[in-house]
PDB file of N, CA and C in Angstrom:
ATOM      1  N   MET A   1       0.851  -1.164   0.000  1.00  0.00           N
ATOM      2  CA  MET A   1       0.000   0.000   0.000  1.00  0.00           C
ATOM      3  C   MET A   1       0.904   1.236   0.000  1.00  0.00           C
ATOM      4  N   SER A   2       0.649   2.168  -0.897  1.00  0.00           N
ATOM      5  CA  SER A   2       1.481   3.358  -0.976  1.00  0.00           C
ATOM      6  C   SER A   2       1.222   4.265   0.230  1.00  0.00           C
ATOM      7  N   ASP A   3       2.193   5.107   0.493  1.00  0.00           N
ATOM      8  CA  ASP A   3       2.083   6.019   1.639  1.00  0.00           C
ATOM      9  C   ASP A   3       0.911   6.987   1.456  1.00  0.00           C
ATOM     10  N   GLU A   4       0.715   7.444   0.246  1.00  0.00           N
ATOM     11  CA  GLU A   4      -0.392   8.381  -0.038  1.00  0.00           C
ATOM     12  C   GLU A   4      -1.747   7.702   0.179  1.00  0.00           C
ATOM     13  N   HIS A   5      -1.847   6.459  -0.246  1.00  0.00           N
ATOM     14  CA  HIS A   5      -3.096   5.713  -0.054  1.00  0.00           C
ATOM     15  C   HIS A   5      -3.362   5.480   1.429  1.00  0.00           C
ATOM     16  N   ALA A   6      -2.345   5.108   2.165  1.00  0.00           N
ATOM     17  CA  ALA A   6      -2.493   4.873   3.606  1.00  0.00           C
ATOM     18  C   ALA A   6      -2.882   6.159   4.319  1.00  0.00           C
ATOM     19  N   ARG A   7      -2.277   7.268   3.928  1.00  0.00           N
ATOM     20  CA  ARG A   7      -2.623   8.553   4.536  1.00  0.00           C
ATOM     21  C   ARG A   7      -4.078   8.906   4.232  1.00  0.00           C
ATOM     22  N   GLY A   8      -4.530   8.630   3.030  1.00  0.00           N
ATOM     23  CA  GLY A   8      -5.924   8.881   2.666  1.00  0.00           C
ATOM     24  C   GLY A   8      -6.888   8.033   3.483  1.00  0.00           C
ATOM     25  N   ARG A   9      -6.532   6.786   3.704  1.00  0.00           N
ATOM     26  CA  ARG A   9      -7.382   5.921   4.538  1.00  0.00           C
ATOM     27  C   ARG A   9      -7.445   6.435   5.968  1.00  0.00           C
ATOM     28  N   ARG A  10      -6.301   6.850   6.503  1.00  0.00           N
ATOM     29  CA  ARG A  10      -6.283   7.393   7.869  1.00  0.00           C
ATOM     30  C   ARG A  10      -7.103   8.680   7.951  1.00  0.00           C
ATOM     31  N   ASP A  11      -6.984   9.528   6.938  1.00  0.00           N
ATOM     32  CA  ASP A  11      -7.769  10.766   6.925  1.00  0.00           C
ATOM     33  C   ASP A  11      -9.261  10.468   6.882  1.00  0.00           C
ATOM     34  N   GLY A  12      -9.638   9.467   6.104  1.00  0.00           N
ATOM     35  CA  GLY A  12     -11.045   9.080   6.032  1.00  0.00           C
ATOM     36  C   GLY A  12     -11.558   8.576   7.372  1.00  0.00           C
ATOM     37  N   LEU A  13     -10.746   7.790   8.055  1.00  0.00           N
ATOM     38  CA  LEU A  13     -11.141   7.289   9.370  1.00  0.00           C
ATOM     39  C   LEU A  13     -11.240   8.431  10.379  1.00  0.00           C
ATOM     40  N   ARG A  14     -10.318   9.374  10.304  1.00  0.00           N
ATOM     41  CA  ARG A  14     -10.370  10.511  11.224  1.00  0.00           C
ATOM     42  C   ARG A  14     -11.596  11.375  10.957  1.00  0.00           C
ATOM     43  N   LEU A  15     -11.931  11.557   9.714  1.00  0.00           N
ATOM     44  CA  LEU A  15     -13.133  12.320   9.379  1.00  0.00           C
ATOM     45  C   LEU A  15     -14.376  11.600   9.882  1.00  0.00           C
ATOM     46  N   ALA A  16     -14.407  10.291   9.730  1.00  0.00           N
ATOM     47  CA  ALA A  16     -15.539   9.517  10.258  1.00  0.00           C
ATOM     48  C   ALA A  16     -15.628   9.648  11.771  1.00  0.00           C
ATOM     49  N   LEU A  17     -14.481   9.662  12.449  1.00  0.00           N
ATOM     50  CA  LEU A  17     -14.483   9.852  13.898  1.00  0.00           C
ATOM     51  C   LEU A  17     -15.032  11.223  14.281  1.00  0.00           C
ATOM     52  N   ALA A  18     -14.689  12.236  13.509  1.00  0.00           N
ATOM     53  CA  ALA A  18     -15.195  13.578  13.795  1.00  0.00           C
ATOM     54  C   ALA A  18     -16.708  13.641  13.622  1.00  0.00           C
ATOM     55  N   VAL A  19     -17.210  13.003  12.582  1.00  0.00           N
ATOM     56  CA  VAL A  19     -18.655  12.973  12.348  1.00  0.00           C
ATOM     57  C   VAL A  19     -19.351  12.212  13.471  1.00  0.00           C
ATOM     58  N   LEU A  20     -18.794  11.080  13.857  1.00  0.00           N
ATOM     59  CA  LEU A  20     -19.390  10.305  14.951  1.00  0.00           C
ATOM     60  C   LEU A  20     -19.348  11.079  16.269  1.00  0.00           C
ATOM     61  N   ALA A  21     -18.301  11.832  16.505  1.00  0.00           N
ATOM     62  CA  ALA A  21     -18.225  12.626  17.732  1.00  0.00           C
ATOM     63  C   ALA A  21     -19.328  13.678  17.764  1.00  0.00           C
ATOM     64  N   ALA A  22     -19.591  14.304  16.619  1.00  0.00           N
ATOM     65  CA  ALA A  22     -20.669  15.288  16.555  1.00  0.00           C
ATOM     66  C   ALA A  22     -22.026  14.632  16.782  1.00  0.00           C
ATOM     67  N   GLU A  23     -22.229  13.479  16.195  1.00  0.00           N
ATOM     68  CA  GLU A  23     -23.486  12.753  16.394  1.00  0.00           C
ATOM     69  C   GLU A  23     -23.647  12.301  17.843  1.00  0.00           C
ATOM     70  N   GLU A  24     -22.545  11.832  18.433  1.00  0.00           N
ATOM     71  CA  GLU A  24     -22.614  11.391  19.823  1.00  0.00           C
ATOM     72  C   GLU A  24     -22.960  12.563  20.733  1.00  0.00           C
ATOM     73  N   GLU A  25     -22.371  13.709  20.468  1.00  0.00           N
ATOM     74  CA  GLU A  25     -22.671  14.906  21.261  1.00  0.00           C
ATOM     75  C   GLU A  25     -24.145  15.281  21.140  1.00  0.00           C
ATOM     76  N   ARG A  26     -24.663  15.166  19.940  1.00  0.00           N
ATOM     77  CA  ARG A  26     -26.077  15.476  19.706  1.00  0.00           C
ATOM     78  C   ARG A  26     -26.985  14.536  20.490  1.00  0.00           C
ATOM     79  N   TRP A  27     -26.679  13.237  20.425  1.00  0.00           N
ATOM     80  CA  TRP A  27     -27.512  12.262  21.127  1.00  0.00           C
ATOM     81  C   TRP A  27     -27.318  12.331  22.631  1.00  0.00           C
ATOM     82  N   ALA A  28     -26.112  12.676  23.085  1.00  0.00           N
ATOM     83  CA  ALA A  28     -25.868  12.806  24.523  1.00  0.00           C
ATOM     84  C   ALA A  28     -26.722  13.923  25.103  1.00  0.00           C
ATOM     85  N   ALA A  29     -26.916  14.988  24.341  1.00  0.00           N
ATOM     86  CA  ALA A  29     -27.743  16.099  24.804  1.00  0.00           C
ATOM     87  C   ALA A  29     -29.214  15.697  24.922  1.00  0.00           C
ATOM     88  N   LEU A  30     -29.633  14.709  24.142  1.00  0.00           N
ATOM     89  CA  LEU A  30     -31.032  14.287  24.148  1.00  0.00           C
ATOM     90  C   LEU A  30     -31.347  13.205  25.177  1.00  0.00           C
ATOM     91  N   LEU A  31     -30.301  12.629  25.784  1.00  0.00           N
ATOM     92  CA  LEU A  31     -30.529  11.544  26.737  1.00  0.00           C
ATOM     93  C   LEU A  31     -31.389  12.019  27.900  1.00  0.00           C
ATOM     94  N   ASP A  32     -32.350  11.216  28.262  1.00  0.00           N
ATOM     95  CA  ASP A  32     -33.272  11.488  29.373  1.00  0.00           C
ATOM     96  C   ASP A  32     -34.026  12.805  29.197  1.00  0.00           C
ATOM     97  N   GLY A  33     -34.170  13.254  27.975  1.00  0.00           N
ATOM     98  CA  GLY A  33     -34.876  14.508  27.724  1.00  0.00           C
ATOM     99  C   GLY A  33     -36.354  14.323  27.457  1.00  0.00           C
ATOM    100  N   SER A  34     -36.800  13.109  27.346  1.00  0.00           N
ATOM    101  CA  SER A  34     -38.191  12.833  27.036  1.00  0.00           C
ATOM    102  C   SER A  34     -38.884  12.209  28.245  1.00  0.00           C
ATOM    103  N   ARG A  35     -40.181  12.435  28.317  1.00  0.00           N
ATOM    104  CA  ARG A  35     -40.958  11.799  29.383  1.00  0.00           C
ATOM    105  C   ARG A  35     -41.252  10.344  29.042  1.00  0.00           C
ATOM    106  N   SER A  36     -41.086   9.980  27.787  1.00  0.00           N
ATOM    107  CA  SER A  36     -41.363   8.620  27.338  1.00  0.00           C
ATOM    108  C   SER A  36     -40.153   7.723  27.607  1.00  0.00           C
ATOM    109  N   GLY A  37     -40.377   6.655  28.337  1.00  0.00           N
ATOM    110  CA  GLY A  37     -39.306   5.709  28.625  1.00  0.00           C
ATOM    111  C   GLY A  37     -38.791   5.022  27.379  1.00  0.00           C
ATOM    112  N   ARG A  38     -39.686   4.741  26.437  1.00  0.00           N
ATOM    113  CA  ARG A  38     -39.289   4.081  25.197  1.00  0.00           C
ATOM    114  C   ARG A  38     -38.380   4.987  24.372  1.00  0.00           C
ATOM    115  N   THR A  39     -38.728   6.263  24.291  1.00  0.00           N
ATOM    116  CA  THR A  39     -37.897   7.207  23.547  1.00  0.00           C
ATOM    117  C   THR A  39     -36.519   7.326  24.183  1.00  0.00           C
ATOM    118  N   ASN A  40     -36.477   7.413  25.511  1.00  0.00           N
ATOM    119  CA  ASN A  40     -35.193   7.502  26.204  1.00  0.00           C
ATOM    120  C   ASN A  40     -34.354   6.254  25.980  1.00  0.00           C
ATOM    121  N   LEU A  41     -34.992   5.097  25.954  1.00  0.00           N
ATOM    122  CA  LEU A  41     -34.273   3.852  25.717  1.00  0.00           C
ATOM    123  C   LEU A  41     -33.677   3.822  24.318  1.00  0.00           C
ATOM    124  N   VAL A  42     -34.452   4.258  23.330  1.00  0.00           N
ATOM    125  CA  VAL A  42     -33.951   4.304  21.950  1.00  0.00           C
ATOM    126  C   VAL A  42     -32.761   5.251  21.856  1.00  0.00           C
ATOM    127  N   ARG A  43     -32.861   6.388  22.528  1.00  0.00           N
ATOM    128  CA  ARG A  43     -31.749   7.348  22.505  1.00  0.00           C
ATOM    129  C   ARG A  43     -30.505   6.773  23.163  1.00  0.00           C
ATOM    130  N   GLU A  44     -30.674   6.055  24.258  1.00  0.00           N
ATOM    131  CA  GLU A  44     -29.528   5.433  24.920  1.00  0.00           C
ATOM    132  C   GLU A  44     -28.874   4.389  24.019  1.00  0.00           C
ATOM    133  N   VAL A  45     -29.691   3.624  23.323  1.00  0.00           N
ATOM    134  CA  VAL A  45     -29.152   2.604  22.417  1.00  0.00           C
ATOM    135  C   VAL A  45     -28.378   3.265  21.279  1.00  0.00           C
ATOM    136  N   ARG A  46     -28.920   4.325  20.708  1.00  0.00           N
ATOM    137  CA  ARG A  46     -28.214   5.024  19.622  1.00  0.00           C
ATOM    138  C   ARG A  46     -26.908   5.624  20.120  1.00  0.00           C
ATOM    139  N   HIS A  47     -26.944   6.196  21.309  1.00  0.00           N
ATOM    140  CA  HIS A  47     -25.742   6.789  21.883  1.00  0.00           C
ATOM    141  C   HIS A  47     -24.676   5.719  22.088  1.00  0.00           C
ATOM    142  N   LYS A  48     -25.063   4.579  22.616  1.00  0.00           N
ATOM    143  CA  LYS A  48     -24.120   3.480  22.827  1.00  0.00           C
ATOM    144  C   LYS A  48     -23.574   2.961  21.495  1.00  0.00           C
ATOM    145  N   ALA A  49     -24.430   2.863  20.500  1.00  0.00           N
ATOM    146  CA  ALA A  49     -23.984   2.405  19.176  1.00  0.00           C
ATOM    147  C   ALA A  49     -22.952   3.358  18.591  1.00  0.00           C
ATOM    148  N   LEU A  50     -23.142   4.655  18.787  1.00  0.00           N
ATOM    149  CA  LEU A  50     -22.164   5.629  18.295  1.00  0.00           C
ATOM    150  C   LEU A  50     -20.833   5.481  19.026  1.00  0.00           C
ATOM    151  N   ARG A  51     -20.879   5.240  20.322  1.00  0.00           N
ATOM    152  CA  ARG A  51     -19.646   5.063  21.093  1.00  0.00           C
ATOM    153  C   ARG A  51     -18.908   3.796  20.657  1.00  0.00           C
ATOM    154  N   VAL A  52     -19.636   2.729  20.385  1.00  0.00           N
ATOM    155  CA  VAL A  52     -19.012   1.491  19.907  1.00  0.00           C
ATOM    156  C   VAL A  52     -18.383   1.720  18.536  1.00  0.00           C
ATOM    157  N   ALA A  53     -19.085   2.427  17.669  1.00  0.00           N
ATOM    158  CA  ALA A  53     -18.543   2.718  16.335  1.00  0.00           C
ATOM    159  C   ALA A  53     -17.269   3.549  16.444  1.00  0.00           C
ATOM    160  N   GLN A  54     -17.260   4.509  17.359  1.00  0.00           N
ATOM    161  CA  GLN A  54     -16.046   5.309  17.556  1.00  0.00           C
ATOM    162  C   GLN A  54     -14.882   4.438  18.018  1.00  0.00           C
ATOM    163  N   ALA A  55     -15.140   3.542  18.936  1.00  0.00           N
ATOM    164  CA  ALA A  55     -14.076   2.671  19.431  1.00  0.00           C
ATOM    165  C   ALA A  55     -13.531   1.793  18.307  1.00  0.00           C
ATOM    166  N   ARG A  56     -14.409   1.288  17.473  1.00  0.00           N
ATOM    167  CA  ARG A  56     -13.961   0.444  16.352  1.00  0.00           C
ATOM    168  C   ARG A  56     -13.156   1.245  15.339  1.00  0.00           C
ATOM    169  N   LEU A  57     -13.572   2.473  15.076  1.00  0.00           N
ATOM    170  CA  LEU A  57     -12.820   3.320  14.149  1.00  0.00           C
ATOM    171  C   LEU A  57     -11.448   3.671  14.719  1.00  0.00           C
ATOM    172  N   ARG A  58     -11.393   3.960  16.012  1.00  0.00           N
ATOM    173  CA  ARG A  58     -10.099   4.259  16.629  1.00  0.00           C
ATOM    174  C   ARG A  58      -9.167   3.054  16.543  1.00  0.00           C
ATOM    175  N   THR A  59      -9.712   1.866  16.750  1.00  0.00           N
ATOM    176  CA  THR A  59      -8.904   0.653  16.639  1.00  0.00           C
ATOM    177  C   THR A  59      -8.365   0.499  15.222  1.00  0.00           C
ATOM    178  N   ALA A  60      -9.225   0.685  14.237  1.00  0.00           N
ATOM    179  CA  ALA A  60      -8.789   0.580  12.839  1.00  0.00           C
ATOM    180  C   ALA A  60      -7.752   1.651  12.521  1.00  0.00           C
ATOM    181  N   LEU A  61      -7.958   2.856  13.031  1.00  0.00           N
ATOM    182  CA  LEU A  61      -7.011   3.943  12.792  1.00  0.00           C
ATOM    183  C   LEU A  61      -5.658   3.632  13.431  1.00  0.00           C
ATOM    184  N   ASN A  62      -5.675   3.095  14.635  1.00  0.00           N
ATOM    185  CA  ASN A  62      -4.419   2.740  15.304  1.00  0.00           C
ATOM    186  C   ASN A  62      -3.675   1.650  14.550  1.00  0.00           C
ATOM    187  N   ARG A  63      -4.399   0.740  13.956  1.00  0.00           N
ATOM    188  CA  ARG A  63      -3.752  -0.329  13.188  1.00  0.00           C
ATOM    189  C   ARG A  63      -3.138   0.199  11.901  1.00  0.00           C
ATOM    190  N   LEU A  64      -3.724   1.245  11.338  1.00  0.00           N
ATOM    191  CA  LEU A  64      -3.206   1.805  10.092  1.00  0.00           C
ATOM    192  C   LEU A  64      -2.109   2.834  10.320  1.00  0.00           C
ATOM    193  N   SER A  65      -2.053   3.407  11.510  1.00  0.00           N
ATOM    194  CA  SER A  65      -1.067   4.446  11.790  1.00  0.00           C
ATOM    195  C   SER A  65       0.327   3.841  11.875  1.00  0.00           C
ATOM    196  N   PRO A  66       1.291   4.550  11.313  1.00  0.00           N
ATOM    197  CA  PRO A  66       2.667   4.059  11.402  1.00  0.00           C
ATOM    198  C   PRO A  66       3.151   4.056  12.853  1.00  0.00           C
ATOM    199  N   ARG A  67       4.043   3.154  13.174  1.00  0.00           N
ATOM    200  CA  ARG A  67       4.596   3.066  14.519  1.00  0.00           C
ATOM    201  C   ARG A  67       5.389   4.337  14.822  1.00  0.00           C
ATOM    202  N   GLY A  68       5.283   4.785  16.044  1.00  0.00           N
ATOM    203  CA  GLY A  68       6.051   5.949  16.459  1.00  0.00           C
ATOM    204  C   GLY A  68       5.416   7.267  16.073  1.00  0.00           C
ATOM    205  N   GLU A  69       4.237   7.239  15.532  1.00  0.00           N
ATOM    206  CA  GLU A  69       3.561   8.481  15.159  1.00  0.00           C
ATOM    207  C   GLU A  69       2.994   9.097  16.441  1.00  0.00           C
ATOM    208  N   ALA A  70       3.625  10.149  16.905  1.00  0.00           N
ATOM    209  CA  ALA A  70       3.271  10.723  18.202  1.00  0.00           C
ATOM    210  C   ALA A  70       1.926  11.434  18.156  1.00  0.00           C
ATOM    211  N   SER A  71       1.785  12.358  17.252  1.00  0.00           N
ATOM    212  CA  SER A  71       0.544  13.124  17.199  1.00  0.00           C
ATOM    213  C   SER A  71       0.084  13.230  15.756  1.00  0.00           C
ATOM    214  N   SER A  72      -1.128  12.836  15.529  1.00  0.00           N
ATOM    215  CA  SER A  72      -1.657  12.904  14.174  1.00  0.00           C
ATOM    216  C   SER A  72      -2.585  14.099  14.027  1.00  0.00           C
ATOM    217  N   GLY A  73      -2.590  14.996  15.003  1.00  0.00           N
ATOM    218  CA  GLY A  73      -3.449  16.173  14.962  1.00  0.00           C
ATOM    219  C   GLY A  73      -3.132  17.083  13.786  1.00  0.00           C
ATOM    220  N   ALA A  74      -1.855  17.261  13.517  1.00  0.00           N
ATOM    221  CA  ALA A  74      -1.460  18.122  12.400  1.00  0.00           C
ATOM    222  C   ALA A  74      -1.893  17.505  11.070  1.00  0.00           C
ATOM    223  N   GLU A  75      -1.759  16.193  10.966  1.00  0.00           N
ATOM    224  CA  GLU A  75      -2.180  15.498   9.742  1.00  0.00           C
ATOM    225  C   GLU A  75      -3.688  15.614   9.554  1.00  0.00           C
ATOM    226  N   LEU A  76      -4.437  15.484  10.649  1.00  0.00           N
ATOM    227  CA  LEU A  76      -5.888  15.613  10.589  1.00  0.00           C
ATOM    228  C   LEU A  76      -6.279  17.047  10.214  1.00  0.00           C
ATOM    229  N   ALA A  77      -5.641  18.031  10.812  1.00  0.00           N
ATOM    230  CA  ALA A  77      -5.936  19.432  10.497  1.00  0.00           C
ATOM    231  C   ALA A  77      -5.683  19.724   9.023  1.00  0.00           C
ATOM    232  N   ALA A  78      -4.602  19.187   8.502  1.00  0.00           N
ATOM    233  CA  ALA A  78      -4.286  19.386   7.086  1.00  0.00           C
ATOM    234  C   ALA A  78      -5.357  18.721   6.206  1.00  0.00           C
ATOM    235  N   ALA A  79      -5.814  17.534   6.597  1.00  0.00           N
ATOM    236  CA  ALA A  79      -6.839  16.827   5.815  1.00  0.00           C
ATOM    237  C   ALA A  79      -8.154  17.587   5.853  1.00  0.00           C
ATOM    238  N   LEU A  80      -8.532  18.087   7.021  1.00  0.00           N
ATOM    239  CA  LEU A  80      -9.779  18.848   7.126  1.00  0.00           C
ATOM    240  C   LEU A  80      -9.692  20.156   6.347  1.00  0.00           C
ATOM    241  N   GLU A  81      -8.530  20.786   6.370  1.00  0.00           N
ATOM    242  CA  GLU A  81      -8.315  22.012   5.601  1.00  0.00           C
ATOM    243  C   GLU A  81      -8.458  21.737   4.105  1.00  0.00           C
ATOM    244  N   GLU A  82      -7.915  20.601   3.682  1.00  0.00           N
ATOM    245  CA  GLU A  82      -7.968  20.222   2.265  1.00  0.00           C
ATOM    246  C   GLU A  82      -9.409  19.981   1.818  1.00  0.00           C
ATOM    247  N   VAL A  83     -10.205  19.381   2.699  1.00  0.00           N
ATOM    248  CA  VAL A  83     -11.585  19.094   2.364  1.00  0.00           C
ATOM    249  C   VAL A  83     -12.451  20.347   2.464  1.00  0.00           C
ATOM    250  N   GLY A  84     -11.989  21.308   3.252  1.00  0.00           N
ATOM    251  CA  GLY A  84     -12.734  22.548   3.388  1.00  0.00           C
ATOM    252  C   GLY A  84     -13.628  22.583   4.615  1.00  0.00           C
ATOM    253  N   LEU A  85     -13.299  21.782   5.614  1.00  0.00           N
ATOM    254  CA  LEU A  85     -14.085  21.787   6.848  1.00  0.00           C
ATOM    255  C   LEU A  85     -13.376  22.571   7.881  1.00  0.00           C
TER     256      LEU A  85
END
């Protein structure tokens, strides 16, 4: 796998993590906000599903990251800048 391709895959995973973090924040704000127990249960399940998805993405990202890569924040910032976010 070329370095450019691997970097693109990592950027895609980081972008997915950012989207999931925003969704998790949205659902976290809605937890226990309804008088309906069923609605609250559905929200808790969605929130948990988002957290599990984040953990799986982080695992995949860690497996793709080169060894010794201390901080990938600069790489992520550059990728987000390139995409226009």
